[in-house]
């Protein structure tokens, strides 16, 4: 018996929205030094409606990290920026029918990478006025500046 739900296994084995958006409106890259997972979330936003129209991800990490990245890109599409900011680690974990306690940090990473992408979008939209790092749900998270190259 697997300690992961069927939804987690499905999103791990068949991840949705893998890749990058070359002309993304916001990119959030978050890493966790403890486990080594790195997530990069790309968003495309319709400025007129302030609505996320597309989301993709690149993740270097465990199966739960891949599943949470996949799920958050599904959850965020079609949401306004304000609605997307309400997506929490709990929202992601519940959408996957739960995660083992030791893997809950993966849902933190996904939620924080999304917040970082939204923060970058807002900074660009506002001409970088008053930009700062988005608050993280997981204190061990940090921004990354290196590019993530699949296969490395």
N, C-alpha and C. Protein backbone atom coordinates (compact mmCIF):
# COMPACT_ATOMS: atom_id res chain seq x y z
N UNK A 1 0.83 -1.18 0.00
CA UNK A 1 0.00 0.00 0.00
C UNK A 1 0.88 1.25 0.00
N UNK A 2 0.58 2.18 -0.89
CA UNK A 2 1.36 3.40 -1.02
C UNK A 2 0.99 4.39 0.07
N UNK A 3 1.97 5.15 0.53
CA UNK A 3 1.68 6.21 1.50
C UNK A 3 1.18 7.46 0.80
N UNK A 4 1.13 7.42 -0.52
CA UNK A 4 0.65 8.56 -1.31
C UNK A 4 -0.74 8.26 -1.87
N UNK A 5 -1.55 9.30 -2.00
CA UNK A 5 -2.89 9.16 -2.56
C UNK A 5 -2.79 8.88 -4.06
N UNK A 6 -3.90 8.43 -4.63
CA UNK A 6 -3.94 8.20 -6.08
C UNK A 6 -3.69 9.50 -6.84
N UNK A 7 -4.20 10.62 -6.33
CA UNK A 7 -3.99 11.91 -7.00
C UNK A 7 -2.52 12.30 -7.00
N UNK A 8 -1.84 12.09 -5.89
CA UNK A 8 -0.40 12.39 -5.84
C UNK A 8 0.33 11.55 -6.87
N UNK A 9 0.04 10.27 -6.89
CA UNK A 9 0.71 9.37 -7.84
C UNK A 9 0.40 9.76 -9.28
N UNK A 10 -0.84 10.16 -9.55
CA UNK A 10 -1.22 10.57 -10.90
C UNK A 10 -0.45 11.82 -11.32
N UNK A 11 -0.38 12.82 -10.45
CA UNK A 11 0.34 14.05 -10.80
C UNK A 11 1.85 13.84 -10.86
N UNK A 12 2.36 12.85 -10.13
CA UNK A 12 3.78 12.52 -10.22
C UNK A 12 4.08 11.79 -11.54
N UNK A 13 3.26 10.79 -11.86
CA UNK A 13 3.50 9.99 -13.07
C UNK A 13 3.08 10.71 -14.35
N UNK A 14 2.09 11.59 -14.26
CA UNK A 14 1.56 12.32 -15.42
C UNK A 14 1.46 13.81 -15.09
N UNK A 15 2.59 14.45 -14.84
CA UNK A 15 2.52 15.86 -14.43
C UNK A 15 1.91 16.74 -15.51
N UNK A 16 1.13 17.71 -15.06
CA UNK A 16 0.50 18.67 -15.97
C UNK A 16 1.35 19.93 -16.03
N UNK A 17 1.35 20.56 -17.19
CA UNK A 17 1.95 21.89 -17.35
C UNK A 17 3.45 21.95 -17.07
N UNK A 18 4.17 20.92 -17.47
CA UNK A 18 5.62 20.91 -17.31
C UNK A 18 6.25 21.80 -18.37
N UNK A 19 7.24 22.55 -17.99
CA UNK A 19 7.99 23.37 -18.94
C UNK A 19 8.07 24.80 -18.49
N UNK A 20 8.41 25.65 -19.42
CA UNK A 20 8.53 27.06 -19.09
C UNK A 20 7.69 27.89 -20.05
N UNK A 21 7.43 29.11 -19.65
CA UNK A 21 6.74 30.07 -20.49
C UNK A 21 7.80 31.13 -20.83
N UNK A 22 8.28 31.13 -22.06
CA UNK A 22 9.38 32.05 -22.41
C UNK A 22 9.07 33.53 -22.15
N UNK A 23 7.85 33.95 -22.36
CA UNK A 23 7.49 35.35 -22.13
C UNK A 23 6.59 35.49 -20.90
N UNK A 24 6.94 34.76 -19.86
CA UNK A 24 6.15 34.76 -18.62
C UNK A 24 6.05 36.15 -18.04
N UNK A 25 4.90 36.43 -17.43
CA UNK A 25 4.71 37.70 -16.74
C UNK A 25 5.28 37.66 -15.33
N UNK A 26 5.44 36.46 -14.79
CA UNK A 26 6.03 36.28 -13.47
C UNK A 26 6.66 34.92 -13.35
N UNK A 27 7.81 34.86 -12.70
CA UNK A 27 8.51 33.60 -12.47
C UNK A 27 8.92 33.57 -11.01
N UNK A 28 8.56 32.50 -10.33
CA UNK A 28 8.94 32.33 -8.93
C UNK A 28 9.79 31.10 -8.78
N UNK A 29 10.95 31.26 -8.20
CA UNK A 29 11.87 30.14 -8.01
C UNK A 29 12.20 30.03 -6.54
N UNK A 30 11.91 28.87 -5.98
CA UNK A 30 12.07 28.64 -4.54
C UNK A 30 12.82 27.33 -4.34
N UNK A 31 13.67 27.33 -3.32
CA UNK A 31 14.38 26.11 -2.98
C UNK A 31 14.34 25.86 -1.49
N UNK A 32 14.52 24.62 -1.12
CA UNK A 32 14.58 24.24 0.29
C UNK A 32 15.92 23.58 0.53
N UNK A 33 16.77 24.24 1.30
CA UNK A 33 18.12 23.74 1.55
C UNK A 33 18.12 22.41 2.30
N UNK A 34 17.10 22.15 3.08
CA UNK A 34 17.05 20.93 3.87
C UNK A 34 16.87 19.70 3.00
N UNK A 35 15.93 19.76 2.05
CA UNK A 35 15.64 18.57 1.24
C UNK A 35 16.23 18.64 -0.16
N UNK A 36 16.63 19.84 -0.59
CA UNK A 36 17.24 19.98 -1.92
C UNK A 36 16.25 20.20 -3.05
N UNK A 37 14.95 20.27 -2.74
CA UNK A 37 13.96 20.50 -3.80
C UNK A 37 14.05 21.93 -4.31
N UNK A 38 13.86 22.10 -5.60
CA UNK A 38 13.83 23.41 -6.23
C UNK A 38 12.63 23.45 -7.16
N UNK A 39 11.81 24.51 -7.03
CA UNK A 39 10.64 24.68 -7.89
C UNK A 39 10.70 26.02 -8.58
N UNK A 40 10.30 26.01 -9.83
CA UNK A 40 10.21 27.24 -10.60
C UNK A 40 8.82 27.25 -11.23
N UNK A 41 8.02 28.27 -10.90
CA UNK A 41 6.66 28.42 -11.41
C UNK A 41 6.62 29.63 -12.33
N UNK A 42 6.04 29.45 -13.51
CA UNK A 42 5.86 30.51 -14.50
C UNK A 42 4.38 30.82 -14.61
N UNK A 43 4.04 32.11 -14.68
CA UNK A 43 2.64 32.48 -14.90
C UNK A 43 2.52 33.50 -16.03
N UNK A 44 1.41 33.40 -16.74
CA UNK A 44 1.02 34.36 -17.76
C UNK A 44 -0.28 34.97 -17.27
N UNK A 45 -0.38 36.31 -17.33
CA UNK A 45 -1.52 37.01 -16.75
C UNK A 45 -2.18 37.91 -17.78
N UNK A 46 -3.50 37.87 -17.83
CA UNK A 46 -4.28 38.81 -18.63
C UNK A 46 -4.39 40.08 -17.80
N UNK A 47 -3.68 41.12 -18.23
CA UNK A 47 -3.64 42.37 -17.45
C UNK A 47 -5.00 43.03 -17.32
N UNK A 48 -5.83 42.91 -18.33
CA UNK A 48 -7.14 43.55 -18.29
C UNK A 48 -8.02 42.97 -17.18
N UNK A 49 -7.94 41.66 -17.00
CA UNK A 49 -8.76 41.00 -15.98
C UNK A 49 -7.98 40.65 -14.73
N UNK A 50 -6.65 40.86 -14.76
CA UNK A 50 -5.79 40.48 -13.64
C UNK A 50 -5.98 38.99 -13.31
N UNK A 51 -6.06 38.18 -14.38
CA UNK A 51 -6.36 36.76 -14.25
C UNK A 51 -5.23 35.92 -14.85
N UNK A 52 -4.85 34.86 -14.16
CA UNK A 52 -3.80 33.96 -14.63
C UNK A 52 -4.38 33.08 -15.73
N UNK A 53 -3.78 33.16 -16.91
CA UNK A 53 -4.28 32.41 -18.06
C UNK A 53 -3.48 31.15 -18.33
N UNK A 54 -2.24 31.13 -17.84
CA UNK A 54 -1.38 29.97 -18.07
C UNK A 54 -0.39 29.84 -16.93
N UNK A 55 -0.05 28.61 -16.58
CA UNK A 55 0.95 28.35 -15.55
C UNK A 55 1.71 27.09 -15.91
N UNK A 56 3.02 27.14 -15.75
CA UNK A 56 3.87 25.97 -16.00
C UNK A 56 4.90 25.89 -14.89
N UNK A 57 5.58 24.73 -14.84
CA UNK A 57 6.59 24.56 -13.79
C UNK A 57 7.77 23.74 -14.27
N UNK A 58 8.88 23.94 -13.58
CA UNK A 58 10.05 23.07 -13.67
C UNK A 58 10.42 22.77 -12.22
N UNK A 59 10.57 21.50 -11.90
CA UNK A 59 10.89 21.10 -10.53
C UNK A 59 11.99 20.07 -10.52
N UNK A 60 12.94 20.27 -9.63
CA UNK A 60 13.97 19.30 -9.33
C UNK A 60 13.67 18.84 -7.92
N UNK A 61 13.22 17.60 -7.79
CA UNK A 61 12.88 17.14 -6.45
C UNK A 61 12.19 15.79 -6.45
N UNK A 62 11.64 15.45 -5.32
CA UNK A 62 10.99 14.16 -5.12
C UNK A 62 9.63 14.10 -5.81
N UNK A 63 9.01 12.95 -5.75
CA UNK A 63 7.70 12.76 -6.36
C UNK A 63 6.64 13.70 -5.81
N UNK A 64 6.68 13.96 -4.51
CA UNK A 64 5.70 14.87 -3.90
C UNK A 64 5.94 16.30 -4.39
N UNK A 65 7.19 16.68 -4.60
CA UNK A 65 7.49 18.03 -5.11
C UNK A 65 6.95 18.18 -6.53
N UNK A 66 7.11 17.17 -7.34
CA UNK A 66 6.59 17.21 -8.71
C UNK A 66 5.07 17.25 -8.69
N UNK A 67 4.45 16.43 -7.86
CA UNK A 67 2.98 16.40 -7.78
C UNK A 67 2.41 17.72 -7.29
N UNK A 68 3.02 18.35 -6.30
CA UNK A 68 2.50 19.62 -5.80
C UNK A 68 2.70 20.73 -6.83
N UNK A 69 3.80 20.69 -7.56
CA UNK A 69 4.02 21.68 -8.63
C UNK A 69 2.96 21.54 -9.71
N UNK A 70 2.71 20.30 -10.10
CA UNK A 70 1.70 20.03 -11.11
C UNK A 70 0.33 20.49 -10.65
N UNK A 71 -0.02 20.17 -9.42
CA UNK A 71 -1.34 20.52 -8.90
C UNK A 71 -1.51 22.03 -8.79
N UNK A 72 -0.50 22.74 -8.34
CA UNK A 72 -0.68 24.19 -8.16
C UNK A 72 -0.88 24.88 -9.50
N UNK A 73 -0.25 24.36 -10.57
CA UNK A 73 -0.47 24.96 -11.89
C UNK A 73 -1.90 24.73 -12.35
N UNK A 74 -2.49 23.62 -11.97
CA UNK A 74 -3.89 23.34 -12.31
C UNK A 74 -4.83 24.23 -11.48
N UNK A 75 -4.52 24.38 -10.21
CA UNK A 75 -5.38 25.16 -9.31
C UNK A 75 -5.41 26.64 -9.69
N UNK A 76 -4.31 27.16 -10.18
CA UNK A 76 -4.18 28.61 -10.37
C UNK A 76 -4.76 29.11 -11.70
N UNK A 77 -4.83 28.24 -12.69
CA UNK A 77 -5.31 28.68 -14.00
C UNK A 77 -6.75 29.17 -13.92
N UNK A 78 -6.96 30.38 -14.48
CA UNK A 78 -8.29 30.97 -14.49
C UNK A 78 -8.60 31.81 -13.27
N UNK A 79 -7.73 31.78 -12.27
CA UNK A 79 -7.96 32.56 -11.05
C UNK A 79 -7.42 33.98 -11.22
N UNK A 80 -8.05 34.92 -10.52
CA UNK A 80 -7.50 36.27 -10.46
C UNK A 80 -6.24 36.21 -9.58
N UNK A 81 -5.45 37.26 -9.66
CA UNK A 81 -4.25 37.31 -8.82
C UNK A 81 -4.62 37.23 -7.35
N UNK A 82 -5.64 37.95 -6.93
CA UNK A 82 -6.05 37.90 -5.52
C UNK A 82 -6.53 36.50 -5.11
N UNK A 83 -7.26 35.84 -5.99
CA UNK A 83 -7.71 34.47 -5.70
C UNK A 83 -6.51 33.53 -5.62
N UNK A 84 -5.56 33.69 -6.52
CA UNK A 84 -4.37 32.83 -6.54
C UNK A 84 -3.55 33.00 -5.26
N UNK A 85 -3.51 34.21 -4.73
CA UNK A 85 -2.76 34.44 -3.50
C UNK A 85 -3.37 33.73 -2.29
N UNK A 86 -4.62 33.31 -2.41
CA UNK A 86 -5.28 32.59 -1.32
C UNK A 86 -4.93 31.10 -1.32
N UNK A 87 -4.27 30.62 -2.38
CA UNK A 87 -3.88 29.21 -2.44
C UNK A 87 -2.75 28.99 -1.45
N UNK A 88 -2.98 28.13 -0.48
CA UNK A 88 -2.02 27.87 0.59
C UNK A 88 -1.47 26.46 0.49
N UNK A 89 -0.53 26.17 1.36
CA UNK A 89 0.01 24.81 1.42
C UNK A 89 -1.12 23.81 1.72
N UNK A 90 -2.06 24.22 2.56
CA UNK A 90 -3.19 23.35 2.90
C UNK A 90 -4.07 23.11 1.67
N UNK A 91 -4.31 24.17 0.88
CA UNK A 91 -5.11 24.04 -0.35
C UNK A 91 -4.50 23.01 -1.28
N UNK A 92 -3.18 23.11 -1.47
CA UNK A 92 -2.47 22.20 -2.38
C UNK A 92 -2.55 20.76 -1.86
N UNK A 93 -2.25 20.59 -0.59
CA UNK A 93 -2.27 19.24 -0.01
C UNK A 93 -3.67 18.63 -0.07
N UNK A 94 -4.69 19.42 0.23
CA UNK A 94 -6.07 18.91 0.16
C UNK A 94 -6.48 18.55 -1.26
N UNK A 95 -6.03 19.34 -2.24
CA UNK A 95 -6.36 19.04 -3.64
C UNK A 95 -5.75 17.73 -4.09
N UNK A 96 -4.67 17.33 -3.43
CA UNK A 96 -4.02 16.05 -3.75
C UNK A 96 -4.49 14.92 -2.83
N UNK A 97 -5.55 15.15 -2.09
CA UNK A 97 -6.07 14.18 -1.12
C UNK A 97 -5.04 13.84 -0.05
N UNK A 98 -4.25 14.83 0.33
CA UNK A 98 -3.30 14.68 1.43
C UNK A 98 -1.90 14.31 1.01
N UNK A 99 -0.98 14.62 1.89
CA UNK A 99 0.43 14.26 1.74
C UNK A 99 0.91 13.69 3.07
N UNK A 100 1.89 12.79 3.03
CA UNK A 100 2.47 12.33 4.30
C UNK A 100 3.07 13.52 5.05
N UNK A 101 3.00 13.53 6.36
CA UNK A 101 3.52 14.67 7.13
C UNK A 101 4.95 15.07 6.76
N UNK A 102 5.78 14.10 6.48
CA UNK A 102 7.17 14.40 6.15
C UNK A 102 7.31 15.09 4.79
N UNK A 103 6.26 15.07 3.99
CA UNK A 103 6.29 15.69 2.65
C UNK A 103 5.47 16.98 2.57
N UNK A 104 4.92 17.44 3.68
CA UNK A 104 4.12 18.67 3.65
C UNK A 104 4.92 19.88 3.22
N UNK A 105 6.23 19.85 3.44
CA UNK A 105 7.05 20.99 3.01
C UNK A 105 6.98 21.20 1.50
N UNK A 106 6.67 20.14 0.74
CA UNK A 106 6.54 20.27 -0.72
C UNK A 106 5.38 21.18 -1.09
N UNK A 107 4.29 21.08 -0.33
CA UNK A 107 3.16 21.97 -0.62
C UNK A 107 3.51 23.41 -0.23
N UNK A 108 4.35 23.58 0.80
CA UNK A 108 4.84 24.92 1.15
C UNK A 108 5.62 25.50 -0.02
N UNK A 109 6.51 24.69 -0.59
CA UNK A 109 7.33 25.16 -1.71
C UNK A 109 6.46 25.59 -2.88
N UNK A 110 5.47 24.79 -3.21
CA UNK A 110 4.60 25.12 -4.34
C UNK A 110 3.86 26.43 -4.10
N UNK A 111 3.29 26.59 -2.90
CA UNK A 111 2.56 27.82 -2.58
C UNK A 111 3.51 29.01 -2.57
N UNK A 112 4.71 28.83 -2.05
CA UNK A 112 5.67 29.93 -2.00
C UNK A 112 6.21 30.28 -3.38
N UNK A 113 6.42 29.30 -4.24
CA UNK A 113 6.87 29.58 -5.61
C UNK A 113 5.81 30.37 -6.37
N UNK A 114 4.54 30.01 -6.16
CA UNK A 114 3.45 30.76 -6.78
C UNK A 114 3.44 32.20 -6.27
N UNK A 115 3.56 32.39 -4.97
CA UNK A 115 3.58 33.74 -4.40
C UNK A 115 4.76 34.54 -4.96
N UNK A 116 5.90 33.90 -5.13
CA UNK A 116 7.07 34.59 -5.69
C UNK A 116 6.82 35.00 -7.14
N UNK A 117 6.16 34.14 -7.92
CA UNK A 117 5.83 34.47 -9.31
C UNK A 117 4.86 35.65 -9.36
N UNK A 118 3.87 35.63 -8.49
CA UNK A 118 2.90 36.73 -8.44
C UNK A 118 3.59 38.02 -8.00
N UNK A 119 4.49 37.90 -7.03
CA UNK A 119 5.24 39.07 -6.58
C UNK A 119 6.04 39.66 -7.73
N UNK A 120 6.70 38.81 -8.52
CA UNK A 120 7.47 39.31 -9.66
C UNK A 120 6.55 39.98 -10.68
N UNK A 121 5.40 39.37 -10.95
CA UNK A 121 4.43 39.96 -11.88
C UNK A 121 4.02 41.35 -11.40
N UNK A 122 3.65 41.45 -10.15
CA UNK A 122 3.22 42.75 -9.61
C UNK A 122 4.34 43.78 -9.65
N UNK A 123 5.56 43.34 -9.36
CA UNK A 123 6.71 44.26 -9.43
C UNK A 123 6.91 44.78 -10.84
N UNK A 124 6.85 43.90 -11.82
CA UNK A 124 7.00 44.32 -13.21
C UNK A 124 5.87 45.26 -13.62
N UNK A 125 4.67 44.91 -13.24
CA UNK A 125 3.49 45.71 -13.60
C UNK A 125 3.57 47.11 -12.99
N UNK A 126 4.12 47.20 -11.80
CA UNK A 126 4.20 48.48 -11.08
C UNK A 126 5.55 49.17 -11.27
N UNK A 127 6.32 48.73 -12.24
CA UNK A 127 7.61 49.36 -12.48
C UNK A 127 8.61 49.14 -11.36
N UNK A 128 8.52 48.01 -10.70
CA UNK A 128 9.43 47.61 -9.61
C UNK A 128 9.33 48.50 -8.37
N UNK A 129 8.29 49.28 -8.27
CA UNK A 129 8.15 50.16 -7.11
C UNK A 129 7.78 49.35 -5.87
N UNK A 130 8.56 49.47 -4.83
CA UNK A 130 8.25 48.84 -3.55
C UNK A 130 8.34 47.33 -3.56
N UNK A 131 9.14 46.76 -4.45
CA UNK A 131 9.23 45.30 -4.54
C UNK A 131 10.06 44.73 -3.40
N UNK A 132 9.60 43.59 -2.91
CA UNK A 132 10.33 42.86 -1.89
C UNK A 132 9.97 41.39 -2.02
N UNK A 133 10.69 40.56 -1.33
CA UNK A 133 10.40 39.14 -1.37
C UNK A 133 9.03 38.87 -0.77
N UNK A 134 8.32 37.95 -1.41
CA UNK A 134 7.02 37.53 -0.88
C UNK A 134 7.24 36.78 0.43
N UNK A 135 6.31 36.87 1.37
CA UNK A 135 6.47 36.11 2.62
C UNK A 135 6.28 34.62 2.35
N UNK A 136 7.16 33.83 2.92
CA UNK A 136 7.11 32.39 2.72
C UNK A 136 6.33 31.71 3.83
N UNK A 137 5.64 30.63 3.47
CA UNK A 137 4.97 29.82 4.48
C UNK A 137 5.98 28.94 5.19
N UNK A 138 7.07 28.59 4.51
CA UNK A 138 8.09 27.69 5.04
C UNK A 138 9.36 28.52 5.28
N UNK A 139 9.76 28.64 6.53
CA UNK A 139 10.92 29.47 6.88
C UNK A 139 12.23 28.97 6.26
N UNK A 140 12.29 27.70 5.85
CA UNK A 140 13.53 27.18 5.28
C UNK A 140 13.62 27.45 3.77
N UNK A 141 12.59 28.08 3.20
CA UNK A 141 12.60 28.39 1.77
C UNK A 141 13.48 29.60 1.51
N UNK A 142 14.01 29.64 0.30
CA UNK A 142 14.80 30.80 -0.12
C UNK A 142 14.72 30.95 -1.63
N UNK A 143 14.99 32.15 -2.09
CA UNK A 143 15.03 32.40 -3.53
C UNK A 143 16.28 31.78 -4.12
N UNK A 144 16.17 31.36 -5.35
CA UNK A 144 17.32 30.87 -6.11
C UNK A 144 17.54 31.81 -7.28
N UNK A 145 18.78 31.97 -7.67
CA UNK A 145 19.06 32.79 -8.84
C UNK A 145 19.60 31.94 -10.00
N UNK A 146 20.00 30.71 -9.71
CA UNK A 146 20.51 29.85 -10.77
C UNK A 146 19.36 29.39 -11.66
N UNK A 147 19.69 29.14 -12.92
CA UNK A 147 18.70 28.55 -13.81
C UNK A 147 18.54 27.09 -13.49
N UNK A 148 17.34 26.59 -13.67
CA UNK A 148 17.08 25.16 -13.52
C UNK A 148 17.12 24.57 -14.92
N UNK A 149 17.99 23.62 -15.12
CA UNK A 149 18.07 22.96 -16.41
C UNK A 149 17.62 21.53 -16.24
N UNK A 150 16.52 21.13 -16.91
CA UNK A 150 16.05 19.75 -16.77
C UNK A 150 17.15 18.77 -17.15
N UNK A 151 17.27 17.71 -16.38
CA UNK A 151 18.24 16.66 -16.67
C UNK A 151 19.55 16.83 -15.95
N UNK A 152 19.75 17.95 -15.27
CA UNK A 152 21.00 18.12 -14.54
C UNK A 152 20.84 17.69 -13.10
